[in-house]
């Protein structure tokens, strides 16, 4: 059996998505109320402002690299922005480009994770 410190080190190495999946699995397994599973992890990342409260609407997500799956990135941009096909394609073809602004930390991380899932790169500022 792992020690508590070993388990914590393993958890610290998880991505935001992996950690979110773990939290949801623990909530189901141990019948924890939904309000506790809505807590989001504190991600230490170089591309985030260090003292931004989770409720502030100061963050923006910038697409920095498209990767190999341009069509999937366009679909994600359309999904998160509500823009049309042409506008989304223009964003993808002109990186670095602002995707969305005035976001709280949770919203920005969610968008960044979606973008990175399809092989693109994004920064939260």
Protein backbone atom coordinates (compact mmCIF):
# COMPACT_ATOMS: atom_id res chain seq x y z
CA UNK A 1 0.00 0.00 0.00
CA UNK A 2 1.22 3.50 -0.88
CA UNK A 3 2.06 6.00 1.81
CA UNK A 4 0.08 9.21 1.93
CA UNK A 5 3.08 11.19 0.62
CA UNK A 6 3.49 8.84 -2.36
CA UNK A 7 -0.20 9.15 -3.16
CA UNK A 8 -0.05 12.95 -2.95
CA UNK A 9 2.98 13.05 -5.29
CA UNK A 10 1.09 10.89 -7.78
CA UNK A 11 -1.95 13.19 -7.59
CA UNK A 12 0.25 16.29 -8.03
CA UNK A 13 1.56 14.90 -11.32
CA UNK A 14 -1.97 14.56 -12.80
CA UNK A 15 -3.38 16.90 -15.41
CA UNK A 16 -6.47 18.97 -14.62
CA UNK A 17 -8.62 16.58 -16.64
CA UNK A 18 -7.22 13.50 -14.90
CA UNK A 19 -7.71 15.11 -11.50
CA UNK A 20 -11.28 16.06 -12.37
CA UNK A 21 -11.99 12.45 -13.44
CA UNK A 22 -10.48 11.19 -10.17
CA UNK A 23 -12.64 13.54 -8.11
CA UNK A 24 -15.77 12.41 -9.96
CA UNK A 25 -14.85 8.72 -9.50
CA UNK A 26 -14.24 9.23 -5.78
CA UNK A 27 -17.56 11.05 -5.44
CA UNK A 28 -19.41 8.16 -7.06
CA UNK A 29 -17.55 5.46 -5.16
CA UNK A 30 -17.98 7.05 -1.74
CA UNK A 31 -21.35 8.73 -2.38
CA UNK A 32 -20.04 12.25 -1.80
CA UNK A 33 -22.49 15.09 -2.44
CA UNK A 34 -22.22 16.98 -5.72
CA UNK A 35 -21.33 20.26 -4.00
CA UNK A 36 -18.00 18.81 -2.91
CA UNK A 37 -17.15 17.57 -6.39
CA UNK A 38 -17.52 21.08 -7.81
CA UNK A 39 -14.30 22.12 -6.09
CA UNK A 40 -11.66 22.70 -8.73
CA UNK A 41 -7.95 21.96 -8.31
CA UNK A 42 -5.41 24.71 -7.74
CA UNK A 43 -3.22 24.39 -10.84
CA UNK A 44 0.26 25.86 -10.59
CA UNK A 45 1.11 26.91 -14.11
CA UNK A 46 3.48 29.51 -15.51
CA UNK A 47 0.82 30.87 -17.84
CA UNK A 48 -1.65 31.83 -15.12
CA UNK A 49 -1.83 34.91 -12.95
CA UNK A 50 -0.85 33.77 -9.45
CA UNK A 51 -3.35 35.74 -7.36
CA UNK A 52 -6.53 35.61 -9.44
CA UNK A 53 -9.54 34.57 -7.43
CA UNK A 54 -11.68 31.80 -8.94
CA UNK A 55 -14.64 34.15 -9.21
CA UNK A 56 -12.87 37.02 -10.97
CA UNK A 57 -13.54 37.49 -14.66
CA UNK A 58 -10.10 38.69 -15.72
CA UNK A 59 -8.67 35.77 -17.66
CA UNK A 60 -8.45 35.16 -21.39
CA UNK A 61 -7.56 32.11 -23.47
CA UNK A 62 -5.19 32.52 -26.40
CA UNK A 63 -4.69 29.87 -29.07
CA UNK A 64 -0.90 29.57 -29.53
CA UNK A 65 -0.50 26.51 -31.78
CA UNK A 66 -2.93 24.48 -33.88
CA UNK A 67 -1.21 21.11 -34.16
CA UNK A 68 -2.06 18.47 -36.76
CA UNK A 69 -5.85 18.31 -36.41
CA UNK A 70 -6.97 21.71 -37.70
CA UNK A 71 -10.59 20.63 -38.28
CA UNK A 72 -11.00 19.42 -34.69
CA UNK A 73 -9.55 22.70 -33.40
CA UNK A 74 -12.02 24.68 -35.53
CA UNK A 75 -14.87 22.61 -34.07
CA UNK A 76 -13.71 23.31 -30.51
CA UNK A 77 -13.36 27.05 -31.25
CA UNK A 78 -16.91 27.08 -32.63
CA UNK A 79 -18.16 25.21 -29.56
CA UNK A 80 -16.55 27.47 -26.96
CA UNK A 81 -17.10 30.81 -28.72
CA UNK A 82 -20.38 30.35 -30.56
CA UNK A 83 -18.74 31.79 -33.69
CA UNK A 84 -19.48 30.59 -37.20
CA UNK A 85 -17.29 28.38 -39.33
CA UNK A 86 -15.53 31.23 -41.16
CA UNK A 87 -14.73 33.19 -37.99
CA UNK A 88 -13.48 30.05 -36.21
CA UNK A 89 -11.33 29.12 -39.21
CA UNK A 90 -9.85 32.65 -39.23
CA UNK A 91 -8.82 32.24 -35.57
CA UNK A 92 -7.16 28.89 -36.28
CA UNK A 93 -5.30 30.22 -39.31
CA UNK A 94 -3.96 33.32 -37.52
CA UNK A 95 -2.33 32.08 -34.32
CA UNK A 96 -1.58 33.40 -31.78
CA UNK A 97 -5.15 34.57 -31.48
CA UNK A 98 -7.51 35.45 -28.63
CA UNK A 99 -10.26 32.86 -28.29
CA UNK A 100 -12.26 34.22 -25.40
CA UNK A 101 -11.82 36.83 -22.66
CA UNK A 102 -13.43 37.91 -19.39
CA UNK A 103 -13.39 34.36 -18.01
CA UNK A 104 -13.03 33.09 -14.50
CA UNK A 105 -10.29 30.57 -13.73
CA UNK A 106 -12.55 27.53 -14.05
CA UNK A 107 -13.95 28.60 -17.44
CA UNK A 108 -10.49 29.42 -18.81
CA UNK A 109 -9.01 26.09 -17.70
CA UNK A 110 -11.98 24.20 -19.18
CA UNK A 111 -11.50 25.86 -22.58
CA UNK A 112 -7.73 25.31 -22.47
CA UNK A 113 -8.26 21.62 -21.67
CA UNK A 114 -10.71 21.19 -24.56
CA UNK A 115 -8.25 22.79 -26.96
CA UNK A 116 -5.33 20.70 -25.75
CA UNK A 117 -7.41 17.52 -26.01
CA UNK A 118 -7.40 17.86 -29.81
CA UNK A 119 -3.65 18.51 -29.99
CA UNK A 120 -3.57 22.31 -30.07
CA UNK A 121 -1.91 24.62 -27.55
CA UNK A 122 -3.46 27.46 -25.59
CA UNK A 123 -2.39 29.86 -22.86
CA UNK A 124 -4.46 31.29 -20.05
CA UNK A 125 -3.51 34.86 -19.24
